[in-house]
Amino acid sequence: MFLADCQARLAFDLMTNTWNAVVVWSLRHGPRRPGRLREEIGGISVKVLTETLRRLEFNGLVARRAYAEAPPRVEYELTDLGRSLLGPIEAFGEWAFHHADEVMAAQDRYEPAP
């Protein structure tokens, strides 16, 4: 069972938000400023990126570093815990690479019951 306090459910909840995995993967090469993250990711609004970074920080996957400069500068980087997700994200991406066509074909064939 996947009860509310189940550890597997916690992991699934973290990864079911599309942007969580995308942002974690985008941070794999080191710290990034939000603007650079948006450029690298593409298709993510400032609001959604900010919400995602806060959620990842809340869960201990990302660390935020603010610099006392004018204008203010902020960078985000993966924590050790965040880096531990890179392997599972990569494995999931490999699965998608090998099976995406099958999934899309199944979606095309699907006919809902009347």
PDB file of N, CA and C in Angstrom:
ATOM      1  N   MET A   1       0.830  -1.196   0.000  1.00  0.00           N
ATOM      2  CA  MET A   1       0.000   0.000   0.000  1.00  0.00           C
ATOM      3  C   MET A   1       0.869   1.251   0.000  1.00  0.00           C
ATOM      4  N   PHE A   2       0.377   2.298  -0.628  1.00  0.00           N
ATOM      5  CA  PHE A   2       1.070   3.588  -0.628  1.00  0.00           C
ATOM      6  C   PHE A   2       0.289   4.551   0.254  1.00  0.00           C
ATOM      7  N   LEU A   3       0.477   4.406   1.551  1.00  0.00           N
ATOM      8  CA  LEU A   3      -0.197   5.262   2.508  1.00  0.00           C
ATOM      9  C   LEU A   3       0.390   6.665   2.456  1.00  0.00           C
ATOM     10  N   ALA A   4      -0.297   7.600   3.061  1.00  0.00           N
ATOM     11  CA  ALA A   4       0.137   9.001   3.040  1.00  0.00           C
ATOM     12  C   ALA A   4       1.551   9.166   3.589  1.00  0.00           C
ATOM     13  N   ASP A   5       1.949   8.343   4.539  1.00  0.00           N
ATOM     14  CA  ASP A   5       3.276   8.485   5.125  1.00  0.00           C
ATOM     15  C   ASP A   5       4.281   7.468   4.572  1.00  0.00           C
ATOM     16  N   CYS A   6       3.932   6.799   3.483  1.00  0.00           N
ATOM     17  CA  CYS A   6       4.803   5.807   2.861  1.00  0.00           C
ATOM     18  C   CYS A   6       5.996   6.506   2.207  1.00  0.00           C
ATOM     19  N   GLN A   7       7.187   5.955   2.406  1.00  0.00           N
ATOM     20  CA  GLN A   7       8.388   6.566   1.834  1.00  0.00           C
ATOM     21  C   GLN A   7       8.377   6.531   0.309  1.00  0.00           C
ATOM     22  N   ALA A   8       7.869   5.448  -0.273  1.00  0.00           N
ATOM     23  CA  ALA A   8       7.803   5.381  -1.737  1.00  0.00           C
ATOM     24  C   ALA A   8       6.855   6.442  -2.277  1.00  0.00           C
ATOM     25  N   ARG A   9       5.769   6.674  -1.583  1.00  0.00           N
ATOM     26  CA  ARG A   9       4.811   7.694  -2.034  1.00  0.00           C
ATOM     27  C   ARG A   9       5.454   9.077  -2.010  1.00  0.00           C
ATOM     28  N   LEU A  10       6.266   9.334  -1.003  1.00  0.00           N
ATOM     29  CA  LEU A  10       6.986  10.607  -0.931  1.00  0.00           C
ATOM     30  C   LEU A  10       7.844  10.790  -2.183  1.00  0.00           C
ATOM     31  N   ALA A  11       8.579   9.757  -2.562  1.00  0.00           N
ATOM     32  CA  ALA A  11       9.432   9.838  -3.747  1.00  0.00           C
ATOM     33  C   ALA A  11       8.589  10.032  -5.009  1.00  0.00           C
ATOM     34  N   PHE A  12       7.483   9.299  -5.123  1.00  0.00           N
ATOM     35  CA  PHE A  12       6.620   9.450  -6.297  1.00  0.00           C
ATOM     36  C   PHE A  12       6.046  10.858  -6.357  1.00  0.00           C
ATOM     37  N   ASP A  13       5.645  11.398  -5.219  1.00  0.00           N
ATOM     38  CA  ASP A  13       5.109  12.759  -5.192  1.00  0.00           C
ATOM     39  C   ASP A  13       6.148  13.776  -5.666  1.00  0.00           C
ATOM     40  N   LEU A  14       7.402  13.582  -5.282  1.00  0.00           N
ATOM     41  CA  LEU A  14       8.456  14.504  -5.710  1.00  0.00           C
ATOM     42  C   LEU A  14       8.666  14.458  -7.216  1.00  0.00           C
ATOM     43  N   MET A  15       8.557  13.284  -7.793  1.00  0.00           N
ATOM     44  CA  MET A  15       8.867  13.131  -9.209  1.00  0.00           C
ATOM     45  C   MET A  15       7.663  13.246 -10.133  1.00  0.00           C
ATOM     46  N   THR A  16       6.447  13.258  -9.603  1.00  0.00           N
ATOM     47  CA  THR A  16       5.291  13.360 -10.481  1.00  0.00           C
ATOM     48  C   THR A  16       5.070  14.783 -10.973  1.00  0.00           C
ATOM     49  N   ASN A  17       5.645  15.752 -10.315  1.00  0.00           N
ATOM     50  CA  ASN A  17       5.587  17.113 -10.833  1.00  0.00           C
ATOM     51  C   ASN A  17       6.661  17.226 -11.910  1.00  0.00           C
ATOM     52  N   THR A  18       6.227  17.406 -13.142  1.00  0.00           N
ATOM     53  CA  THR A  18       7.142  17.435 -14.288  1.00  0.00           C
ATOM     54  C   THR A  18       8.317  18.377 -14.058  1.00  0.00           C
ATOM     55  N   TRP A  19       8.037  19.550 -13.535  1.00  0.00           N
ATOM     56  CA  TRP A  19       9.098  20.545 -13.422  1.00  0.00           C
ATOM     57  C   TRP A  19      10.123  20.182 -12.371  1.00  0.00           C
ATOM     58  N   ASN A  20       9.760  19.432 -11.340  1.00  0.00           N
ATOM     59  CA  ASN A  20      10.745  19.041 -10.325  1.00  0.00           C
ATOM     60  C   ASN A  20      11.915  18.316 -10.971  1.00  0.00           C
ATOM     61  N   ALA A  21      11.614  17.265 -11.726  1.00  0.00           N
ATOM     62  CA  ALA A  21      12.674  16.473 -12.355  1.00  0.00           C
ATOM     63  C   ALA A  21      13.447  17.296 -13.378  1.00  0.00           C
ATOM     64  N   VAL A  22      12.755  18.130 -14.135  1.00  0.00           N
ATOM     65  CA  VAL A  22      13.411  18.943 -15.162  1.00  0.00           C
ATOM     66  C   VAL A  22      14.391  19.921 -14.519  1.00  0.00           C
ATOM     67  N   VAL A  23      13.990  20.572 -13.447  1.00  0.00           N
ATOM     68  CA  VAL A  23      14.870  21.537 -12.782  1.00  0.00           C
ATOM     69  C   VAL A  23      16.049  20.814 -12.129  1.00  0.00           C
ATOM     70  N   VAL A  24      15.792  19.700 -11.462  1.00  0.00           N
ATOM     71  CA  VAL A  24      16.894  18.932 -10.862  1.00  0.00           C
ATOM     72  C   VAL A  24      17.896  18.544 -11.952  1.00  0.00           C
ATOM     73  N   TRP A  25      17.394  18.027 -13.061  1.00  0.00           N
ATOM     74  CA  TRP A  25      18.279  17.618 -14.155  1.00  0.00           C
ATOM     75  C   TRP A  25      19.054  18.811 -14.708  1.00  0.00           C
ATOM     76  N   SER A  26      18.422  19.969 -14.792  1.00  0.00           N
ATOM     77  CA  SER A  26      19.079  21.170 -15.311  1.00  0.00           C
ATOM     78  C   SER A  26      20.179  21.676 -14.395  1.00  0.00           C
ATOM     79  N   LEU A  27      20.104  21.338 -13.130  1.00  0.00           N
ATOM     80  CA  LEU A  27      21.120  21.775 -12.171  1.00  0.00           C
ATOM     81  C   LEU A  27      22.274  20.781 -12.031  1.00  0.00           C
ATOM     82  N   ARG A  28      22.275  19.722 -12.835  1.00  0.00           N
ATOM     83  CA  ARG A  28      23.270  18.658 -12.667  1.00  0.00           C
ATOM     84  C   ARG A  28      24.710  19.120 -12.926  1.00  0.00           C
ATOM     85  N   HIS A  29      24.892  20.191 -13.706  1.00  0.00           N
ATOM     86  CA  HIS A  29      26.240  20.658 -14.031  1.00  0.00           C
ATOM     87  C   HIS A  29      26.728  21.773 -13.109  1.00  0.00           C
ATOM     88  N   GLY A  30      25.944  22.124 -12.107  1.00  0.00           N
ATOM     89  CA  GLY A  30      26.401  23.139 -11.169  1.00  0.00           C
ATOM     90  C   GLY A  30      25.382  24.229 -10.946  1.00  0.00           C
ATOM     91  N   PRO A  31      25.744  25.197 -10.104  1.00  0.00           N
ATOM     92  CA  PRO A  31      24.822  26.278  -9.738  1.00  0.00           C
ATOM     93  C   PRO A  31      24.353  27.060 -10.963  1.00  0.00           C
ATOM     94  N   ARG A  32      23.107  27.507 -10.869  1.00  0.00           N
ATOM     95  CA  ARG A  32      22.512  28.293 -11.948  1.00  0.00           C
ATOM     96  C   ARG A  32      21.689  29.424 -11.365  1.00  0.00           C
ATOM     97  N   ARG A  33      21.693  30.545 -12.084  1.00  0.00           N
ATOM     98  CA  ARG A  33      20.788  31.641 -11.758  1.00  0.00           C
ATOM     99  C   ARG A  33      19.443  31.320 -12.402  1.00  0.00           C
ATOM    100  N   PRO A  34      18.356  31.864 -11.834  1.00  0.00           N
ATOM    101  CA  PRO A  34      17.029  31.555 -12.384  1.00  0.00           C
ATOM    102  C   PRO A  34      16.891  31.877 -13.873  1.00  0.00           C
ATOM    103  N   GLY A  35      17.436  32.982 -14.328  1.00  0.00           N
ATOM    104  CA  GLY A  35      17.338  33.342 -15.737  1.00  0.00           C
ATOM    105  C   GLY A  35      18.000  32.318 -16.641  1.00  0.00           C
ATOM    106  N   ARG A  36      19.136  31.837 -16.217  1.00  0.00           N
ATOM    107  CA  ARG A  36      19.833  30.817 -17.011  1.00  0.00           C
ATOM    108  C   ARG A  36      19.048  29.505 -17.006  1.00  0.00           C
ATOM    109  N   LEU A  37      18.487  29.150 -15.868  1.00  0.00           N
ATOM    110  CA  LEU A  37      17.653  27.952 -15.803  1.00  0.00           C
ATOM    111  C   LEU A  37      16.496  28.047 -16.796  1.00  0.00           C
ATOM    112  N   ARG A  38      15.827  29.198 -16.817  1.00  0.00           N
ATOM    113  CA  ARG A  38      14.702  29.379 -17.751  1.00  0.00           C
ATOM    114  C   ARG A  38      15.154  29.216 -19.195  1.00  0.00           C
ATOM    115  N   GLU A  39      16.319  29.760 -19.521  1.00  0.00           N
ATOM    116  CA  GLU A  39      16.851  29.628 -20.882  1.00  0.00           C
ATOM    117  C   GLU A  39      17.142  28.172 -21.218  1.00  0.00           C
ATOM    118  N   GLU A  40      17.768  27.457 -20.294  1.00  0.00           N
ATOM    119  CA  GLU A  40      18.150  26.076 -20.539  1.00  0.00           C
ATOM    120  C   GLU A  40      16.937  25.155 -20.610  1.00  0.00           C
ATOM    121  N   ILE A  41      15.941  25.422 -19.787  1.00  0.00           N
ATOM    122  CA  ILE A  41      14.759  24.558 -19.734  1.00  0.00           C
ATOM    123  C   ILE A  41      13.820  24.881 -20.887  1.00  0.00           C
ATOM    124  N   GLY A  42      13.497  26.149 -21.054  1.00  0.00           N
ATOM    125  CA  GLY A  42      12.535  26.546 -22.085  1.00  0.00           C
ATOM    126  C   GLY A  42      11.121  26.148 -21.692  1.00  0.00           C
ATOM    127  N   GLY A  43      10.163  27.013 -22.007  1.00  0.00           N
ATOM    128  CA  GLY A  43       8.764  26.693 -21.773  1.00  0.00           C
ATOM    129  C   GLY A  43       8.302  26.748 -20.335  1.00  0.00           C
ATOM    130  N   ILE A  44       9.086  27.328 -19.457  1.00  0.00           N
ATOM    131  CA  ILE A  44       8.688  27.441 -18.058  1.00  0.00           C
ATOM    132  C   ILE A  44       8.587  28.926 -17.713  1.00  0.00           C
ATOM    133  N   SER A  45       7.487  29.303 -17.080  1.00  0.00           N
ATOM    134  CA  SER A  45       7.298  30.698 -16.708  1.00  0.00           C
ATOM    135  C   SER A  45       8.121  31.031 -15.462  1.00  0.00           C
ATOM    136  N   VAL A  46       8.324  32.318 -15.237  1.00  0.00           N
ATOM    137  CA  VAL A  46       9.039  32.775 -14.046  1.00  0.00           C
ATOM    138  C   VAL A  46       8.319  32.270 -12.799  1.00  0.00           C
ATOM    139  N   LYS A  47       6.999  32.383 -12.785  1.00  0.00           N
ATOM    140  CA  LYS A  47       6.207  31.963 -11.630  1.00  0.00           C
ATOM    141  C   LYS A  47       6.368  30.474 -11.344  1.00  0.00           C
ATOM    142  N   VAL A  48       6.255  29.650 -12.374  1.00  0.00           N
ATOM    143  CA  VAL A  48       6.353  28.197 -12.176  1.00  0.00           C
ATOM    144  C   VAL A  48       7.777  27.811 -11.768  1.00  0.00           C
ATOM    145  N   LEU A  49       8.785  28.446 -12.358  1.00  0.00           N
ATOM    146  CA  LEU A  49      10.160  28.155 -11.966  1.00  0.00           C
ATOM    147  C   LEU A  49      10.385  28.522 -10.504  1.00  0.00           C
ATOM    148  N   THR A  50       9.904  29.689 -10.089  1.00  0.00           N
ATOM    149  CA  THR A  50      10.055  30.121  -8.700  1.00  0.00           C
ATOM    150  C   THR A  50       9.371  29.143  -7.754  1.00  0.00           C
ATOM    151  N   GLU A  51       8.147  28.738  -8.079  1.00  0.00           N
ATOM    152  CA  GLU A  51       7.425  27.771  -7.241  1.00  0.00           C
ATOM    153  C   GLU A  51       8.172  26.443  -7.171  1.00  0.00           C
ATOM    154  N   THR A  52       8.706  26.009  -8.299  1.00  0.00           N
ATOM    155  CA  THR A  52       9.426  24.732  -8.337  1.00  0.00           C
ATOM    156  C   THR A  52      10.696  24.803  -7.512  1.00  0.00           C
ATOM    157  N   LEU A  53      11.461  25.880  -7.653  1.00  0.00           N
ATOM    158  CA  LEU A  53      12.688  26.029  -6.871  1.00  0.00           C
ATOM    159  C   LEU A  53      12.387  26.073  -5.379  1.00  0.00           C
ATOM    160  N   ARG A  54      11.339  26.763  -4.995  1.00  0.00           N
ATOM    161  CA  ARG A  54      10.965  26.811  -3.575  1.00  0.00           C
ATOM    162  C   ARG A  54      10.572  25.434  -3.061  1.00  0.00           C
ATOM    163  N   ARG A  55       9.813  24.691  -3.879  1.00  0.00           N
ATOM    164  CA  ARG A  55       9.391  23.334  -3.492  1.00  0.00           C
ATOM    165  C   ARG A  55      10.613  22.424  -3.345  1.00  0.00           C
ATOM    166  N   LEU A  56      11.557  22.521  -4.284  1.00  0.00           N
ATOM    167  CA  LEU A  56      12.759  21.704  -4.209  1.00  0.00           C
ATOM    168  C   LEU A  56      13.621  22.086  -3.016  1.00  0.00           C
ATOM    169  N   GLU A  57      13.679  23.369  -2.717  1.00  0.00           N
ATOM    170  CA  GLU A  57      14.424  23.833  -1.540  1.00  0.00           C
ATOM    171  C   GLU A  57      13.750  23.334  -0.267  1.00  0.00           C
ATOM    172  N   PHE A  58      12.437  23.420  -0.196  1.00  0.00           N
ATOM    173  CA  PHE A  58      11.662  22.940   0.951  1.00  0.00           C
ATOM    174  C   PHE A  58      11.943  21.459   1.216  1.00  0.00           C
ATOM    175  N   ASN A  59      12.092  20.692   0.143  1.00  0.00           N
ATOM    176  CA  ASN A  59      12.318  19.253   0.266  1.00  0.00           C
ATOM    177  C   ASN A  59      13.795  18.879   0.401  1.00  0.00           C
ATOM    178  N   GLY A  60      14.663  19.874   0.477  1.00  0.00           N
ATOM    179  CA  GLY A  60      16.079  19.614   0.707  1.00  0.00           C
ATOM    180  C   GLY A  60      16.856  19.180  -0.521  1.00  0.00           C
ATOM    181  N   LEU A  61      16.288  19.356  -1.719  1.00  0.00           N
ATOM    182  CA  LEU A  61      16.941  18.911  -2.943  1.00  0.00           C
ATOM    183  C   LEU A  61      17.792  20.003  -3.583  1.00  0.00           C
ATOM    184  N   VAL A  62      17.478  21.250  -3.269  1.00  0.00           N
ATOM    185  CA  VAL A  62      18.144  22.404  -3.858  1.00  0.00           C
ATOM    186  C   VAL A  62      18.504  23.381  -2.747  1.00  0.00           C
ATOM    187  N   ALA A  63      19.659  24.005  -2.883  1.00  0.00           N
ATOM    188  CA  ALA A  63      20.077  25.059  -1.952  1.00  0.00           C
ATOM    189  C   ALA A  63      20.082  26.386  -2.694  1.00  0.00           C
ATOM    190  N   ARG A  64      19.618  27.410  -2.026  1.00  0.00           N
ATOM    191  CA  ARG A  64      19.568  28.769  -2.580  1.00  0.00           C
ATOM    192  C   ARG A  64      20.686  29.577  -1.956  1.00  0.00           C
ATOM    193  N   ARG A  65      21.437  30.279  -2.801  1.00  0.00           N
ATOM    194  CA  ARG A  65      22.513  31.127  -2.301  1.00  0.00           C
ATOM    195  C   ARG A  65      22.283  32.539  -2.811  1.00  0.00           C
ATOM    196  N   ALA A  66      22.111  33.469  -1.881  1.00  0.00           N
ATOM    197  CA  ALA A  66      21.921  34.875  -2.240  1.00  0.00           C
ATOM    198  C   ALA A  66      23.222  35.626  -1.967  1.00  0.00           C
ATOM    199  N   TYR A  67      23.611  36.464  -2.899  1.00  0.00           N
ATOM    200  CA  TYR A  67      24.824  37.256  -2.778  1.00  0.00           C
ATOM    201  C   TYR A  67      24.449  38.696  -2.459  1.00  0.00           C
ATOM    202  N   ALA A  68      25.202  39.312  -1.563  1.00  0.00           N
ATOM    203  CA  ALA A  68      24.952  40.700  -1.173  1.00  0.00           C
ATOM    204  C   ALA A  68      25.589  41.619  -2.201  1.00  0.00           C
ATOM    205  N   GLU A  69      24.916  41.757  -3.321  1.00  0.00           N
ATOM    206  CA  GLU A  69      25.400  42.587  -4.415  1.00  0.00           C
ATOM    207  C   GLU A  69      24.265  43.485  -4.887  1.00  0.00           C
ATOM    208  N   ALA A  70      24.627  44.477  -5.663  1.00  0.00           N
ATOM    209  CA  ALA A  70      23.610  45.317  -6.285  1.00  0.00           C
ATOM    210  C   ALA A  70      23.828  45.258  -7.786  1.00  0.00           C
ATOM    211  N   PRO A  71      22.906  44.788  -8.549  1.00  0.00           N
ATOM    212  CA  PRO A  71      21.619  44.217  -8.130  1.00  0.00           C
ATOM    213  C   PRO A  71      21.816  42.853  -7.462  1.00  0.00           C
ATOM    214  N   PRO A  72      20.819  42.435  -6.674  1.00  0.00           N
ATOM    215  CA  PRO A  72      20.939  41.163  -5.963  1.00  0.00           C
ATOM    216  C   PRO A  72      21.119  39.995  -6.938  1.00  0.00           C
ATOM    217  N   ARG A  73      21.909  39.039  -6.518  1.00  0.00           N
ATOM    218  CA  ARG A  73      22.152  37.847  -7.338  1.00  0.00           C
ATOM    219  C   ARG A  73      21.818  36.614  -6.511  1.00  0.00           C
ATOM    220  N   VAL A  74      21.107  35.677  -7.121  1.00  0.00           N
ATOM    221  CA  VAL A  74      20.719  34.439  -6.458  1.00  0.00           C
ATOM    222  C   VAL A  74      21.087  33.278  -7.367  1.00  0.00           C
ATOM    223  N   GLU A  75      21.612  32.228  -6.771  1.00  0.00           N
ATOM    224  CA  GLU A  75      21.914  31.008  -7.507  1.00  0.00           C
ATOM    225  C   GLU A  75      21.299  29.819  -6.771  1.00  0.00           C
ATOM    226  N   TYR A  76      21.005  28.792  -7.533  1.00  0.00           N
ATOM    227  CA  TYR A  76      20.483  27.551  -6.974  1.00  0.00           C
ATOM    228  C   TYR A  76      21.400  26.421  -7.380  1.00  0.00           C
ATOM    229  N   GLU A  77      21.593  25.479  -6.457  1.00  0.00           N
ATOM    230  CA  GLU A  77      22.397  24.306  -6.776  1.00  0.00           C
ATOM    231  C   GLU A  77      21.826  23.093  -6.064  1.00  0.00           C
ATOM    232  N   LEU A  78      22.157  21.930  -6.590  1.00  0.00           N
ATOM    233  CA  LEU A  78      21.683  20.696  -5.987  1.00  0.00           C
ATOM    234  C   LEU A  78      22.414  20.436  -4.678  1.00  0.00           C
ATOM    235  N   THR A  79      21.699  19.912  -3.726  1.00  0.00           N
ATOM    236  CA  THR A  79      22.303  19.401  -2.506  1.00  0.00           C
ATOM    237  C   THR A  79      22.750  17.966  -2.792  1.00  0.00           C
ATOM    238  N   ASP A  80      23.409  17.338  -1.840  1.00  0.00           N
ATOM    239  CA  ASP A  80      23.767  15.929  -2.012  1.00  0.00           C
ATOM    240  C   ASP A  80      22.507  15.096  -2.220  1.00  0.00           C
ATOM    241  N   LEU A  81      21.463  15.433  -1.482  1.00  0.00           N
ATOM    242  CA  LEU A  81      20.191  14.718  -1.627  1.00  0.00           C
ATOM    243  C   LEU A  81      19.636  14.902  -3.044  1.00  0.00           C
ATOM    244  N   GLY A  82      19.704  16.119  -3.566  1.00  0.00           N
ATOM    245  CA  GLY A  82      19.243  16.384  -4.923  1.00  0.00           C
ATOM    246  C   GLY A  82      20.057  15.620  -5.952  1.00  0.00           C
ATOM    247  N   ARG A  83      21.383  15.583  -5.766  1.00  0.00           N
ATOM    248  CA  ARG A  83      22.240  14.834  -6.687  1.00  0.00           C
ATOM    249  C   ARG A  83      21.918  13.342  -6.674  1.00  0.00           C
ATOM    250  N   SER A  84      21.421  12.847  -5.544  1.00  0.00           N
ATOM    251  CA  SER A  84      21.091  11.419  -5.463  1.00  0.00           C
ATOM    252  C   SER A  84      19.905  11.063  -6.364  1.00  0.00           C
ATOM    253  N   LEU A  85      19.156  12.058  -6.834  1.00  0.00           N
ATOM    254  CA  LEU A  85      18.033  11.811  -7.746  1.00  0.00           C
ATOM    255  C   LEU A  85      18.442  11.764  -9.222  1.00  0.00           C
ATOM    256  N   LEU A  86      19.650  12.150  -9.537  1.00  0.00           N
ATOM    257  CA  LEU A  86      20.067  12.200 -10.937  1.00  0.00           C
ATOM    258  C   LEU A  86      20.028  10.828 -11.603  1.00  0.00           C
ATOM    259  N   GLY A  87      20.455   9.796 -10.883  1.00  0.00           N
ATOM    260  CA  GLY A  87      20.424   8.437 -11.440  1.00  0.00           C
ATOM    261  C   GLY A  87      19.014   7.986 -11.778  1.00  0.00           C
ATOM    262  N   PRO A  88      18.071   8.077 -10.823  1.00  0.00           N
ATOM    263  CA  PRO A  88      16.694   7.701 -11.151  1.00  0.00           C
ATOM    264  C   PRO A  88      16.079   8.542 -12.267  1.00  0.00           C
ATOM    265  N   ILE A  89      16.378   9.836 -12.317  1.00  0.00           N
ATOM    266  CA  ILE A  89      15.838  10.673 -13.382  1.00  0.00           C
ATOM    267  C   ILE A  89      16.416  10.238 -14.722  1.00  0.00           C
ATOM    268  N   GLU A  90      17.713   9.952 -14.750  1.00  0.00           N
ATOM    269  CA  GLU A  90      18.334   9.497 -15.995  1.00  0.00           C
ATOM    270  C   GLU A  90      17.735   8.164 -16.446  1.00  0.00           C
ATOM    271  N   ALA A  91      17.525   7.245 -15.493  1.00  0.00           N
ATOM    272  CA  ALA A  91      16.930   5.945 -15.836  1.00  0.00           C
ATOM    273  C   ALA A  91      15.520   6.125 -16.395  1.00  0.00           C
ATOM    274  N   PHE A  92      14.762   7.013 -15.805  1.00  0.00           N
ATOM    275  CA  PHE A  92      13.408   7.272 -16.287  1.00  0.00           C
ATOM    276  C   PHE A  92      13.447   7.876 -17.690  1.00  0.00           C
ATOM    277  N   GLY A  93      14.387   8.773 -17.923  1.00  0.00           N
ATOM    278  CA  GLY A  93      14.551   9.362 -19.251  1.00  0.00           C
ATOM    279  C   GLY A  93      14.929   8.318 -20.289  1.00  0.00           C
ATOM    280  N   GLU A  94      15.803   7.375 -19.926  1.00  0.00           N
ATOM    281  CA  GLU A  94      16.167   6.297 -20.840  1.00  0.00           C
ATOM    282  C   GLU A  94      14.950   5.436 -21.169  1.00  0.00           C
ATOM    283  N   TRP A  95      14.157   5.139 -20.151  1.00  0.00           N
ATOM    284  CA  TRP A  95      12.938   4.357 -20.388  1.00  0.00           C
ATOM    285  C   TRP A  95      12.045   5.099 -21.378  1.00  0.00           C
ATOM    286  N   ALA A  96      11.878   6.411 -21.168  1.00  0.00           N
ATOM    287  CA  ALA A  96      11.034   7.210 -22.060  1.00  0.00           C
ATOM    288  C   ALA A  96      11.590   7.196 -23.485  1.00  0.00           C
ATOM    289  N   PHE A  97      12.897   7.293 -23.621  1.00  0.00           N
ATOM    290  CA  PHE A  97      13.521   7.277 -24.942  1.00  0.00           C
ATOM    291  C   PHE A  97      13.195   5.976 -25.678  1.00  0.00           C
ATOM    292  N   HIS A  98      13.252   4.868 -24.952  1.00  0.00           N
ATOM    293  CA  HIS A  98      13.029   3.554 -25.564  1.00  0.00           C
ATOM    294  C   HIS A  98      11.551   3.215 -25.763  1.00  0.00           C
ATOM    295  N   HIS A  99      10.647   3.823 -24.993  1.00  0.00           N
ATOM    296  CA  HIS A  99       9.244   3.397 -25.008  1.00  0.00           C
ATOM    297  C   HIS A  99       8.233   4.482 -25.349  1.00  0.00           C
ATOM    298  N   ALA A 100       8.673   5.700 -25.576  1.00  0.00           N
ATOM    299  CA  ALA A 100       7.730   6.795 -25.844  1.00  0.00           C
ATOM    300  C   ALA A 100       6.863   6.515 -27.066  1.00  0.00           C
ATOM    301  N   ASP A 101       7.449   5.950 -28.110  1.00  0.00           N
ATOM    302  CA  ASP A 101       6.664   5.654 -29.312  1.00  0.00           C
ATOM    303  C   ASP A 101       5.561   4.644 -29.013  1.00  0.00           C
ATOM    304  N   GLU A 102       5.857   3.652 -28.180  1.00  0.00           N
ATOM    305  CA  GLU A 102       4.850   2.655 -27.805  1.00  0.00           C
ATOM    306  C   GLU A 102       3.706   3.298 -27.021  1.00  0.00           C
ATOM    307  N   VAL A 103       4.064   4.184 -26.112  1.00  0.00           N
ATOM    308  CA  VAL A 103       3.039   4.858 -25.306  1.00  0.00           C
ATOM    309  C   VAL A 103       2.162   5.724 -26.198  1.00  0.00           C
ATOM    310  N   MET A 104       2.784   6.487 -27.092  1.00  0.00           N
ATOM    311  CA  MET A 104       2.002   7.350 -27.982  1.00  0.00           C
ATOM    312  C   MET A 104       1.119   6.528 -28.926  1.00  0.00           C
ATOM    313  N   ALA A 105       1.614   5.377 -29.379  1.00  0.00           N
ATOM    314  CA  ALA A 105       0.805   4.501 -30.233  1.00  0.00           C
ATOM    315  C   ALA A 105      -0.398   3.967 -29.453  1.00  0.00           C
ATOM    316  N   ALA A 106      -0.191   3.610 -28.198  1.00  0.00           N
ATOM    317  CA  ALA A 106      -1.300   3.135 -27.365  1.00  0.00           C
ATOM    318  C   ALA A 106      -2.326   4.248 -27.169  1.00  0.00           C
ATOM    319  N   GLN A 107      -1.860   5.462 -26.980  1.00  0.00           N
ATOM    320  CA  GLN A 107      -2.780   6.589 -26.827  1.00  0.00           C
ATOM    321  C   GLN A 107      -3.593   6.797 -28.096  1.00  0.00           C
ATOM    322  N   ASP A 108      -2.946   6.650 -29.256  1.00  0.00           N
ATOM    323  CA  ASP A 108      -3.650   6.807 -30.533  1.00  0.00           C
ATOM    324  C   ASP A 108      -4.701   5.718 -30.736  1.00  0.00           C
ATOM    325  N   ARG A 109      -4.414   4.502 -30.270  1.00  0.00           N
ATOM    326  CA  ARG A 109      -5.344   3.376 -30.445  1.00  0.00           C
ATOM    327  C   ARG A 109      -6.499   3.396 -29.438  1.00  0.00           C
ATOM    328  N   TYR A 110      -6.316   4.102 -28.347  1.00  0.00           N
ATOM    329  CA  TYR A 110      -7.285   4.052 -27.246  1.00  0.00           C
ATOM    330  C   TYR A 110      -8.656   4.561 -27.676  1.00  0.00           C
ATOM    331  N   GLU A 111      -9.636   3.801 -27.327  1.00  0.00           N
ATOM    332  CA  GLU A 111     -11.035   4.199 -27.546  1.00  0.00           C
ATOM    333  C   GLU A 111     -11.767   4.049 -26.218  1.00  0.00           C
ATOM    334  N   PRO A 112     -12.211   5.140 -25.633  1.00  0.00           N
ATOM    335  CA  PRO A 112     -12.875   5.052 -24.327  1.00  0.00           C
ATOM    336  C   PRO A 112     -14.162   4.231 -24.434  1.00  0.00           C
ATOM    337  N   ALA A 113     -14.475   3.554 -23.351  1.00  0.00           N
ATOM    338  CA  ALA A 113     -15.724   2.778 -23.299  1.00  0.00           C
ATOM    339  C   ALA A 113     -16.899   3.724 -23.371  1.00  0.00           C
ATOM    340  N   PRO A 114     -17.957   3.288 -24.072  1.00  0.00           N
ATOM    341  CA  PRO A 114     -19.141   4.167 -24.205  1.00  0.00           C
ATOM    342  C   PRO A 114     -19.842   4.397 -22.875  1.00  0.00           C
TER     343      PRO A 114
END
